[in-house]
């Protein structure tokens, strides 16, 4: 079935948009890698995931815009969209995203500091009396242990005497 020029222009514009989506997805992975340290294994898995997503985007563009028929101008539009995104938007998107993440982290850190400040003050205030009570309890427990050992030895001694008495009877 022949396609009109307006349909081809629409398909071309969709492929340009799809071409812009692909490096945007890559930028998301770059932002994640800059924000969070990632091991080599996860980098490989992320790369695999990226290429799967690229395949899905390209398939969706070709399938929905041109009923699955691949044409040269679709590939050209995709490449053009990727180049336009990389030249015009990529640096700004990455920089704004990383700055936003850093600001959010600082805000969360500040809120955490504000929330934990009373706990730190209470700890510093209660640390001295608690140490004093701990030392007293430690001495008391040592003394109780010694008394317990003496009482236990007396109990076993009395038990032996009782057994001897029972044997004699």
N, C-alpha and C. Protein backbone atom coordinates (compact mmCIF):
# COMPACT_ATOMS: atom_id res chain seq x y z
N UNK A 1 0.85 -1.17 0.00
CA UNK A 1 0.00 0.00 0.00
C UNK A 1 0.89 1.23 0.00
N UNK A 2 0.70 2.16 -0.90
CA UNK A 2 1.54 3.35 -0.96
C UNK A 2 1.24 4.28 0.22
N UNK A 3 2.30 4.94 0.66
CA UNK A 3 2.19 5.85 1.80
C UNK A 3 2.31 7.28 1.27
N UNK A 4 1.47 8.16 1.79
CA UNK A 4 1.52 9.55 1.34
C UNK A 4 2.71 10.26 1.96
N UNK A 5 3.04 11.40 1.43
CA UNK A 5 4.17 12.20 1.94
C UNK A 5 3.90 12.64 3.38
N UNK A 6 2.67 13.00 3.68
CA UNK A 6 2.36 13.43 5.05
C UNK A 6 2.55 12.27 6.03
N UNK A 7 2.17 11.06 5.62
CA UNK A 7 2.39 9.89 6.48
C UNK A 7 3.88 9.62 6.67
N UNK A 8 4.65 9.77 5.59
CA UNK A 8 6.10 9.58 5.70
C UNK A 8 6.72 10.63 6.62
N UNK A 9 6.25 11.86 6.53
CA UNK A 9 6.75 12.92 7.41
C UNK A 9 6.42 12.60 8.87
N UNK A 10 5.21 12.11 9.11
CA UNK A 10 4.80 11.73 10.46
C UNK A 10 5.68 10.59 10.98
N UNK A 11 5.90 9.59 10.15
CA UNK A 11 6.75 8.46 10.53
C UNK A 11 8.17 8.95 10.79
N UNK A 12 8.67 9.86 9.97
CA UNK A 12 10.01 10.41 10.14
C UNK A 12 10.11 11.15 11.48
N UNK A 13 9.11 11.97 11.80
CA UNK A 13 9.12 12.69 13.08
C UNK A 13 9.05 11.73 14.27
N UNK A 14 8.25 10.68 14.14
CA UNK A 14 8.21 9.68 15.21
C UNK A 14 9.58 9.01 15.38
N UNK A 15 10.25 8.75 14.27
CA UNK A 15 11.57 8.12 14.38
C UNK A 15 12.59 9.09 14.99
N UNK A 16 12.44 10.40 14.71
CA UNK A 16 13.32 11.40 15.35
C UNK A 16 13.07 11.41 16.86
N UNK A 17 11.80 11.37 17.26
CA UNK A 17 11.47 11.33 18.69
C UNK A 17 12.02 10.05 19.32
N UNK A 18 11.86 8.93 18.64
CA UNK A 18 12.43 7.67 19.14
C UNK A 18 13.94 7.74 19.24
N UNK A 19 14.56 8.41 18.27
CA UNK A 19 16.01 8.59 18.32
C UNK A 19 16.42 9.46 19.50
N UNK A 20 15.56 10.36 19.95
CA UNK A 20 15.86 11.19 21.11
C UNK A 20 15.62 10.41 22.42
N UNK A 21 14.71 9.46 22.38
CA UNK A 21 14.42 8.66 23.58
C UNK A 21 15.60 7.74 23.90
N UNK A 22 16.24 7.22 22.89
CA UNK A 22 17.33 6.25 23.11
C UNK A 22 18.49 6.87 23.89
N UNK A 23 19.06 8.03 23.50
CA UNK A 23 20.13 8.58 24.34
C UNK A 23 19.64 9.10 25.68
N UNK A 24 18.33 9.45 25.77
CA UNK A 24 17.79 9.84 27.07
C UNK A 24 17.85 8.65 28.03
N UNK A 25 17.49 7.47 27.54
CA UNK A 25 17.59 6.26 28.37
C UNK A 25 19.04 6.03 28.79
N UNK A 26 19.96 6.24 27.86
CA UNK A 26 21.37 6.08 28.19
C UNK A 26 21.79 7.10 29.25
N UNK A 27 21.29 8.34 29.14
CA UNK A 27 21.61 9.35 30.15
C UNK A 27 21.08 8.95 31.52
N UNK A 28 19.94 8.30 31.56
CA UNK A 28 19.43 7.83 32.85
C UNK A 28 20.39 6.84 33.50
N UNK A 29 20.95 5.95 32.68
CA UNK A 29 21.94 5.02 33.21
C UNK A 29 23.21 5.76 33.64
N UNK A 30 23.63 6.77 32.87
CA UNK A 30 24.81 7.56 33.25
C UNK A 30 24.59 8.29 34.56
N UNK A 31 23.42 8.87 34.73
CA UNK A 31 23.09 9.59 35.97
C UNK A 31 23.12 8.61 37.14
N UNK A 32 22.54 7.45 36.96
CA UNK A 32 22.53 6.44 38.03
C UNK A 32 23.94 6.02 38.40
N UNK A 33 24.79 5.86 37.39
CA UNK A 33 26.17 5.45 37.65
C UNK A 33 26.97 6.54 38.36
N UNK A 34 26.67 7.81 38.07
CA UNK A 34 27.37 8.89 38.75
C UNK A 34 26.86 9.07 40.16
N UNK A 35 25.60 8.80 40.39
CA UNK A 35 25.02 8.99 41.72
C UNK A 35 25.33 7.83 42.65
N UNK A 36 25.38 6.62 42.10
CA UNK A 36 25.58 5.42 42.92
C UNK A 36 26.74 4.63 42.34
N UNK A 37 27.70 4.27 43.19
CA UNK A 37 28.80 3.43 42.73
C UNK A 37 28.26 2.06 42.33
N UNK A 38 28.65 1.62 41.15
CA UNK A 38 28.12 0.37 40.61
C UNK A 38 29.27 -0.58 40.32
N UNK A 39 29.08 -1.85 40.68
CA UNK A 39 30.11 -2.85 40.40
C UNK A 39 30.10 -3.20 38.92
N UNK A 40 31.15 -3.84 38.48
CA UNK A 40 31.32 -4.18 37.07
C UNK A 40 30.20 -5.10 36.60
N UNK A 41 29.81 -6.06 37.41
CA UNK A 41 28.75 -6.98 37.03
C UNK A 41 27.45 -6.23 36.74
N UNK A 42 27.11 -5.28 37.61
CA UNK A 42 25.87 -4.53 37.41
C UNK A 42 25.97 -3.60 36.19
N UNK A 43 27.17 -3.12 35.89
CA UNK A 43 27.34 -2.31 34.69
C UNK A 43 27.03 -3.15 33.46
N UNK A 44 27.52 -4.39 33.43
CA UNK A 44 27.22 -5.28 32.31
C UNK A 44 25.72 -5.54 32.20
N UNK A 45 25.09 -5.78 33.35
CA UNK A 45 23.65 -6.02 33.34
C UNK A 45 22.87 -4.78 32.89
N UNK A 46 23.33 -3.60 33.31
CA UNK A 46 22.68 -2.36 32.88
C UNK A 46 22.84 -2.15 31.38
N UNK A 47 24.02 -2.48 30.86
CA UNK A 47 24.23 -2.35 29.41
C UNK A 47 23.30 -3.30 28.65
N UNK A 48 23.16 -4.50 29.14
CA UNK A 48 22.24 -5.45 28.51
C UNK A 48 20.81 -4.91 28.56
N UNK A 49 20.41 -4.40 29.71
CA UNK A 49 19.08 -3.81 29.86
C UNK A 49 18.89 -2.62 28.91
N UNK A 50 19.93 -1.79 28.76
CA UNK A 50 19.86 -0.65 27.85
C UNK A 50 19.59 -1.12 26.43
N UNK A 51 20.31 -2.12 25.96
CA UNK A 51 20.13 -2.58 24.59
C UNK A 51 18.78 -3.25 24.40
N UNK A 52 18.28 -3.89 25.41
CA UNK A 52 16.93 -4.46 25.33
C UNK A 52 15.90 -3.33 25.20
N UNK A 53 16.08 -2.27 26.00
CA UNK A 53 15.17 -1.12 25.91
C UNK A 53 15.26 -0.44 24.56
N UNK A 54 16.47 -0.32 24.00
CA UNK A 54 16.65 0.26 22.67
C UNK A 54 15.90 -0.57 21.64
N UNK A 55 16.02 -1.88 21.73
CA UNK A 55 15.32 -2.75 20.78
C UNK A 55 13.81 -2.58 20.91
N UNK A 56 13.32 -2.46 22.13
CA UNK A 56 11.88 -2.29 22.33
C UNK A 56 11.41 -0.95 21.75
N UNK A 57 12.17 0.12 22.00
CA UNK A 57 11.81 1.44 21.46
C UNK A 57 11.79 1.40 19.95
N UNK A 58 12.82 0.86 19.35
CA UNK A 58 12.88 0.82 17.89
C UNK A 58 11.76 -0.05 17.32
N UNK A 59 11.50 -1.18 17.95
CA UNK A 59 10.42 -2.04 17.48
C UNK A 59 9.09 -1.30 17.56
N UNK A 60 8.85 -0.60 18.69
CA UNK A 60 7.59 0.13 18.85
C UNK A 60 7.45 1.21 17.79
N UNK A 61 8.51 1.93 17.51
CA UNK A 61 8.45 2.98 16.49
C UNK A 61 8.12 2.39 15.13
N UNK A 62 8.84 1.37 14.76
CA UNK A 62 8.63 0.77 13.44
C UNK A 62 7.26 0.10 13.36
N UNK A 63 6.86 -0.58 14.39
CA UNK A 63 5.60 -1.32 14.35
C UNK A 63 4.39 -0.38 14.34
N UNK A 64 4.38 0.60 15.26
CA UNK A 64 3.21 1.46 15.37
C UNK A 64 3.14 2.53 14.30
N UNK A 65 4.27 2.99 13.82
CA UNK A 65 4.22 4.07 12.83
C UNK A 65 4.13 3.54 11.41
N UNK A 66 4.77 2.44 11.13
CA UNK A 66 4.87 1.98 9.74
C UNK A 66 4.48 0.50 9.60
N UNK A 67 3.71 -0.01 10.53
CA UNK A 67 3.22 -1.40 10.50
C UNK A 67 4.34 -2.42 10.36
N UNK A 68 5.48 -2.14 10.97
CA UNK A 68 6.60 -3.07 10.99
C UNK A 68 7.50 -3.04 9.78
N UNK A 69 7.28 -2.14 8.89
CA UNK A 69 8.09 -2.06 7.67
C UNK A 69 9.26 -1.11 7.90
N UNK A 70 10.47 -1.63 7.83
CA UNK A 70 11.66 -0.81 8.07
C UNK A 70 12.02 -0.09 6.77
N UNK A 71 12.23 1.20 6.90
CA UNK A 71 12.62 2.01 5.75
C UNK A 71 13.85 2.80 6.11
N UNK A 72 14.57 3.24 5.13
CA UNK A 72 15.80 3.99 5.34
C UNK A 72 15.59 5.29 6.08
N UNK A 73 14.50 5.99 5.77
CA UNK A 73 14.29 7.29 6.43
C UNK A 73 13.95 7.12 7.91
N UNK A 74 13.46 5.95 8.32
CA UNK A 74 13.22 5.70 9.75
C UNK A 74 14.57 5.60 10.48
N UNK A 75 15.50 4.86 9.91
CA UNK A 75 16.83 4.75 10.52
C UNK A 75 17.53 6.12 10.52
N UNK A 76 17.39 6.86 9.40
CA UNK A 76 17.99 8.19 9.34
C UNK A 76 17.37 9.11 10.38
N UNK A 77 16.06 9.05 10.55
CA UNK A 77 15.38 9.88 11.56
C UNK A 77 15.82 9.52 12.97
N UNK A 78 16.00 8.24 13.22
CA UNK A 78 16.45 7.79 14.54
C UNK A 78 17.85 8.31 14.83
N UNK A 79 18.73 8.19 13.86
CA UNK A 79 20.10 8.69 14.04
C UNK A 79 20.10 10.20 14.21
N UNK A 80 19.29 10.90 13.42
CA UNK A 80 19.19 12.36 13.53
C UNK A 80 18.67 12.77 14.91
N UNK A 81 17.65 12.07 15.41
CA UNK A 81 17.11 12.37 16.74
C UNK A 81 18.14 12.14 17.83
N UNK A 82 18.91 11.07 17.71
CA UNK A 82 19.95 10.79 18.72
C UNK A 82 21.01 11.88 18.70
N UNK A 83 21.43 12.28 17.50
CA UNK A 83 22.45 13.33 17.39
C UNK A 83 21.93 14.65 17.94
N UNK A 84 20.69 15.01 17.62
CA UNK A 84 20.11 16.25 18.13
C UNK A 84 20.04 16.24 19.66
N UNK A 85 19.60 15.12 20.22
CA UNK A 85 19.51 15.05 21.68
C UNK A 85 20.89 15.17 22.32
N UNK A 86 21.85 14.45 21.77
CA UNK A 86 23.20 14.47 22.35
C UNK A 86 23.80 15.87 22.28
N UNK A 87 23.62 16.55 21.17
CA UNK A 87 24.20 17.88 21.01
C UNK A 87 23.45 18.96 21.78
N UNK A 88 22.13 18.86 21.88
CA UNK A 88 21.34 19.93 22.47
C UNK A 88 20.95 19.72 23.92
N UNK A 89 20.62 18.51 24.31
CA UNK A 89 20.01 18.31 25.62
C UNK A 89 20.80 17.46 26.61
N UNK A 90 21.66 16.60 26.13
CA UNK A 90 22.28 15.60 26.98
C UNK A 90 23.03 16.21 28.17
N UNK A 91 23.91 17.17 27.91
CA UNK A 91 24.70 17.76 28.99
C UNK A 91 23.80 18.43 30.02
N UNK A 92 22.78 19.14 29.54
CA UNK A 92 21.87 19.83 30.46
C UNK A 92 21.08 18.84 31.30
N UNK A 93 20.59 17.79 30.69
CA UNK A 93 19.81 16.79 31.44
C UNK A 93 20.66 16.14 32.51
N UNK A 94 21.87 15.73 32.16
CA UNK A 94 22.75 15.07 33.12
C UNK A 94 23.13 16.03 34.25
N UNK A 95 23.51 17.25 33.89
CA UNK A 95 23.94 18.22 34.90
C UNK A 95 22.79 18.57 35.84
N UNK A 96 21.62 18.84 35.30
CA UNK A 96 20.47 19.19 36.13
C UNK A 96 20.07 18.01 37.03
N UNK A 97 20.08 16.83 36.48
CA UNK A 97 19.70 15.65 37.26
C UNK A 97 20.67 15.39 38.41
N UNK A 98 21.96 15.47 38.11
CA UNK A 98 22.95 15.21 39.16
C UNK A 98 22.89 16.30 40.23
N UNK A 99 22.73 17.56 39.81
CA UNK A 99 22.60 18.65 40.77
C UNK A 99 21.36 18.45 41.64
N UNK A 100 20.26 18.04 41.03
CA UNK A 100 19.04 17.79 41.79
C UNK A 100 19.24 16.67 42.80
N UNK A 101 19.88 15.61 42.39
CA UNK A 101 20.15 14.49 43.29
C UNK A 101 21.04 14.93 44.45
N UNK A 102 22.07 15.73 44.16
CA UNK A 102 22.95 16.22 45.21
C UNK A 102 22.21 17.11 46.20
N UNK A 103 21.34 17.99 45.69
CA UNK A 103 20.57 18.87 46.57
C UNK A 103 19.63 18.05 47.44
N UNK A 104 18.97 17.07 46.84
CA UNK A 104 18.06 16.22 47.62
C UNK A 104 18.82 15.47 48.70
N UNK A 105 20.01 14.96 48.37
CA UNK A 105 20.83 14.25 49.36
C UNK A 105 21.23 15.18 50.50
N UNK A 106 21.62 16.41 50.17
CA UNK A 106 21.99 17.37 51.21
C UNK A 106 20.80 17.71 52.10
N UNK A 107 19.63 17.88 51.51
CA UNK A 107 18.43 18.18 52.30
C UNK A 107 18.11 17.02 53.23
N UNK A 108 18.18 15.81 52.72
CA UNK A 108 17.90 14.63 53.56
C UNK A 108 18.93 14.52 54.69
N UNK A 109 20.19 14.79 54.36
CA UNK A 109 21.25 14.74 55.39
C UNK A 109 21.01 15.79 56.47
N UNK A 110 20.60 17.00 56.05
CA UNK A 110 20.32 18.07 57.00
C UNK A 110 19.14 17.71 57.89
N UNK A 111 18.08 17.19 57.30
CA UNK A 111 16.91 16.78 58.07
C UNK A 111 17.29 15.69 59.06
N UNK A 112 18.10 14.72 58.63
CA UNK A 112 18.54 13.65 59.51
C UNK A 112 19.36 14.21 60.67
N UNK A 113 20.23 15.18 60.37
CA UNK A 113 21.04 15.80 61.42
C UNK A 113 20.15 16.53 62.42
N UNK A 114 19.15 17.24 61.94
CA UNK A 114 18.24 17.98 62.82
C UNK A 114 17.45 17.00 63.69
N UNK A 115 17.00 15.92 63.11
CA UNK A 115 16.20 14.95 63.87
C UNK A 115 17.05 14.23 64.91
N UNK A 116 18.29 13.90 64.58
CA UNK A 116 19.13 13.14 65.51
C UNK A 116 19.85 14.02 66.53
N UNK A 117 19.81 15.33 66.37
CA UNK A 117 20.52 16.22 67.31
C UNK A 117 20.04 16.04 68.75
N UNK A 118 18.72 16.03 69.02
CA UNK A 118 18.31 15.82 70.43
C UNK A 118 18.78 14.49 71.00
N UNK A 119 18.85 13.47 70.17
CA UNK A 119 19.32 12.17 70.64
C UNK A 119 20.79 12.24 71.01
N UNK A 120 21.58 12.94 70.20
CA UNK A 120 23.00 13.10 70.51
C UNK A 120 23.21 13.88 71.80
N UNK A 121 22.41 14.94 71.98
CA UNK A 121 22.52 15.74 73.21
C UNK A 121 22.14 14.89 74.42
N UNK A 122 21.05 14.15 74.31
CA UNK A 122 20.62 13.29 75.43
C UNK A 122 21.69 12.24 75.73
N UNK A 123 22.31 11.70 74.72
CA UNK A 123 23.37 10.72 74.92
C UNK A 123 24.55 11.35 75.68
N UNK A 124 24.94 12.55 75.28
CA UNK A 124 26.07 13.20 75.95
C UNK A 124 25.73 13.52 77.40
N UNK A 125 24.49 13.91 77.64
CA UNK A 125 24.09 14.24 79.02
C UNK A 125 24.02 12.97 79.88
N UNK A 126 23.47 11.90 79.34
CA UNK A 126 23.26 10.68 80.12
C UNK A 126 24.48 9.77 80.16
N UNK A 127 25.49 10.07 79.39
CA UNK A 127 26.66 9.20 79.31
C UNK A 127 27.39 9.12 80.65
N UNK A 128 27.58 10.23 81.34
CA UNK A 128 28.33 10.25 82.60
C UNK A 128 27.58 9.48 83.70
N UNK A 129 26.31 9.77 83.95
CA UNK A 129 25.63 8.97 84.99
C UNK A 129 25.54 7.49 84.64
N UNK A 130 25.36 7.18 83.37
CA UNK A 130 25.27 5.77 82.98
C UNK A 130 26.60 5.05 83.20
N UNK A 131 27.70 5.71 82.92
CA UNK A 131 29.00 5.09 83.19
C UNK A 131 29.17 4.82 84.68
N UNK A 132 28.77 5.79 85.51
CA UNK A 132 28.87 5.64 86.96
C UNK A 132 28.02 4.46 87.43
N UNK A 133 26.79 4.38 86.96
CA UNK A 133 25.91 3.28 87.34
C UNK A 133 26.47 1.95 86.83
N UNK A 134 27.04 1.95 85.64
CA UNK A 134 27.63 0.74 85.07
C UNK A 134 28.78 0.25 85.94
N UNK A 135 29.64 1.15 86.37
CA UNK A 135 30.77 0.75 87.22
C UNK A 135 30.28 0.15 88.54
N UNK A 136 29.28 0.77 89.13
CA UNK A 136 28.73 0.26 90.39
C UNK A 136 28.12 -1.13 90.18
N UNK A 137 27.35 -1.28 89.13
CA UNK A 137 26.73 -2.57 88.84
C UNK A 137 27.78 -3.64 88.54
N UNK A 138 28.85 -3.25 87.90
CA UNK A 138 29.91 -4.19 87.58
C UNK A 138 30.56 -4.72 88.87
N UNK A 139 30.84 -3.80 89.81
CA UNK A 139 31.40 -4.22 91.09
C UNK A 139 30.41 -5.12 91.84
N UNK A 140 29.14 -4.73 91.83
CA UNK A 140 28.12 -5.51 92.51
C UNK A 140 28.01 -6.92 91.91
N UNK A 141 28.06 -7.03 90.59
CA UNK A 141 27.95 -8.33 89.94
C UNK A 141 29.17 -9.20 90.24
N UNK A 142 30.36 -8.60 90.30
CA UNK A 142 31.55 -9.39 90.67
C UNK A 142 31.41 -9.93 92.09
N UNK A 143 30.93 -9.06 92.98
CA UNK A 143 30.75 -9.49 94.37
C UNK A 143 29.69 -10.59 94.44
N UNK A 144 28.61 -10.43 93.68
CA UNK A 144 27.55 -11.44 93.69
C UNK A 144 28.06 -12.76 93.13
N UNK A 145 28.92 -12.68 92.15
CA UNK A 145 29.48 -13.89 91.57
C UNK A 145 30.33 -14.63 92.60
N UNK A 146 31.17 -13.85 93.32
CA UNK A 146 31.99 -14.47 94.36
C UNK A 146 31.13 -15.11 95.45
N UNK A 147 30.10 -14.41 95.89
CA UNK A 147 29.21 -14.93 96.92
C UNK A 147 28.50 -16.17 96.40
N UNK A 148 28.08 -16.10 95.13
CA UNK A 148 27.41 -17.25 94.53
C UNK A 148 28.30 -18.46 94.48
N UNK A 149 29.58 -18.26 94.14
CA UNK A 149 30.52 -19.38 94.12
C UNK A 149 30.70 -19.95 95.52
N UNK A 150 30.85 -19.07 96.51
CA UNK A 150 31.01 -19.55 97.90
C UNK A 150 29.77 -20.30 98.35
N UNK A 151 28.60 -19.77 98.06
CA UNK A 151 27.36 -20.45 98.46
C UNK A 151 27.20 -21.77 97.73
N UNK A 152 27.58 -21.79 96.46
CA UNK A 152 27.47 -23.03 95.70
C UNK A 152 28.41 -24.08 96.28
N UNK A 153 29.63 -23.67 96.64
CA UNK A 153 30.55 -24.64 97.20
C UNK A 153 30.05 -25.12 98.56
N UNK A 154 29.46 -24.26 99.36
CA UNK A 154 28.88 -24.67 100.64
C UNK A 154 27.72 -25.63 100.41
N UNK A 155 26.89 -25.34 99.38
CA UNK A 155 25.75 -26.19 99.09
C UNK A 155 26.21 -27.59 98.70
N UNK A 156 27.23 -27.68 97.82
CA UNK A 156 27.72 -28.99 97.41
C UNK A 156 28.39 -29.72 98.58
N UNK A 157 29.06 -28.98 99.43
CA UNK A 157 29.67 -29.60 100.61
C UNK A 157 28.59 -30.17 101.53
N UNK A 158 27.54 -29.38 101.73
CA UNK A 158 26.44 -29.86 102.58
C UNK A 158 25.72 -31.04 101.93
N UNK A 159 25.62 -31.04 100.60
CA UNK A 159 25.00 -32.14 99.89
C UNK A 159 25.80 -33.42 100.07
N UNK A 160 27.14 -33.32 100.03
CA UNK A 160 27.99 -34.50 100.25
C UNK A 160 27.81 -35.03 101.68
N UNK A 161 27.76 -34.11 102.60
CA UNK A 161 27.57 -34.52 104.00
C UNK A 161 26.25 -35.25 104.15
N UNK A 162 25.21 -34.69 103.51
CA UNK A 162 23.88 -35.29 103.59
C UNK A 162 23.87 -36.69 102.97
N UNK A 163 24.59 -36.87 101.85
CA UNK A 163 24.68 -38.18 101.21
C UNK A 163 25.39 -39.17 102.13
N UNK A 164 26.50 -38.71 102.74
CA UNK A 164 27.24 -39.59 103.65
C UNK A 164 26.37 -40.01 104.83
N UNK A 165 25.62 -39.07 105.32
CA UNK A 165 24.75 -39.36 106.47
C UNK A 165 23.69 -40.37 106.05
N UNK A 166 23.14 -40.18 104.86
CA UNK A 166 22.11 -41.09 104.36
C UNK A 166 22.67 -42.50 104.15
N UNK A 167 23.93 -42.57 103.69
CA UNK A 167 24.54 -43.89 103.49
C UNK A 167 24.74 -44.60 104.83
N UNK A 168 25.08 -43.86 105.83
CA UNK A 168 25.32 -44.45 107.12
C UNK A 168 24.04 -44.96 107.76
N UNK A 169 22.94 -44.37 107.37
CA UNK A 169 21.67 -44.76 108.00
C UNK A 169 21.15 -45.98 107.39
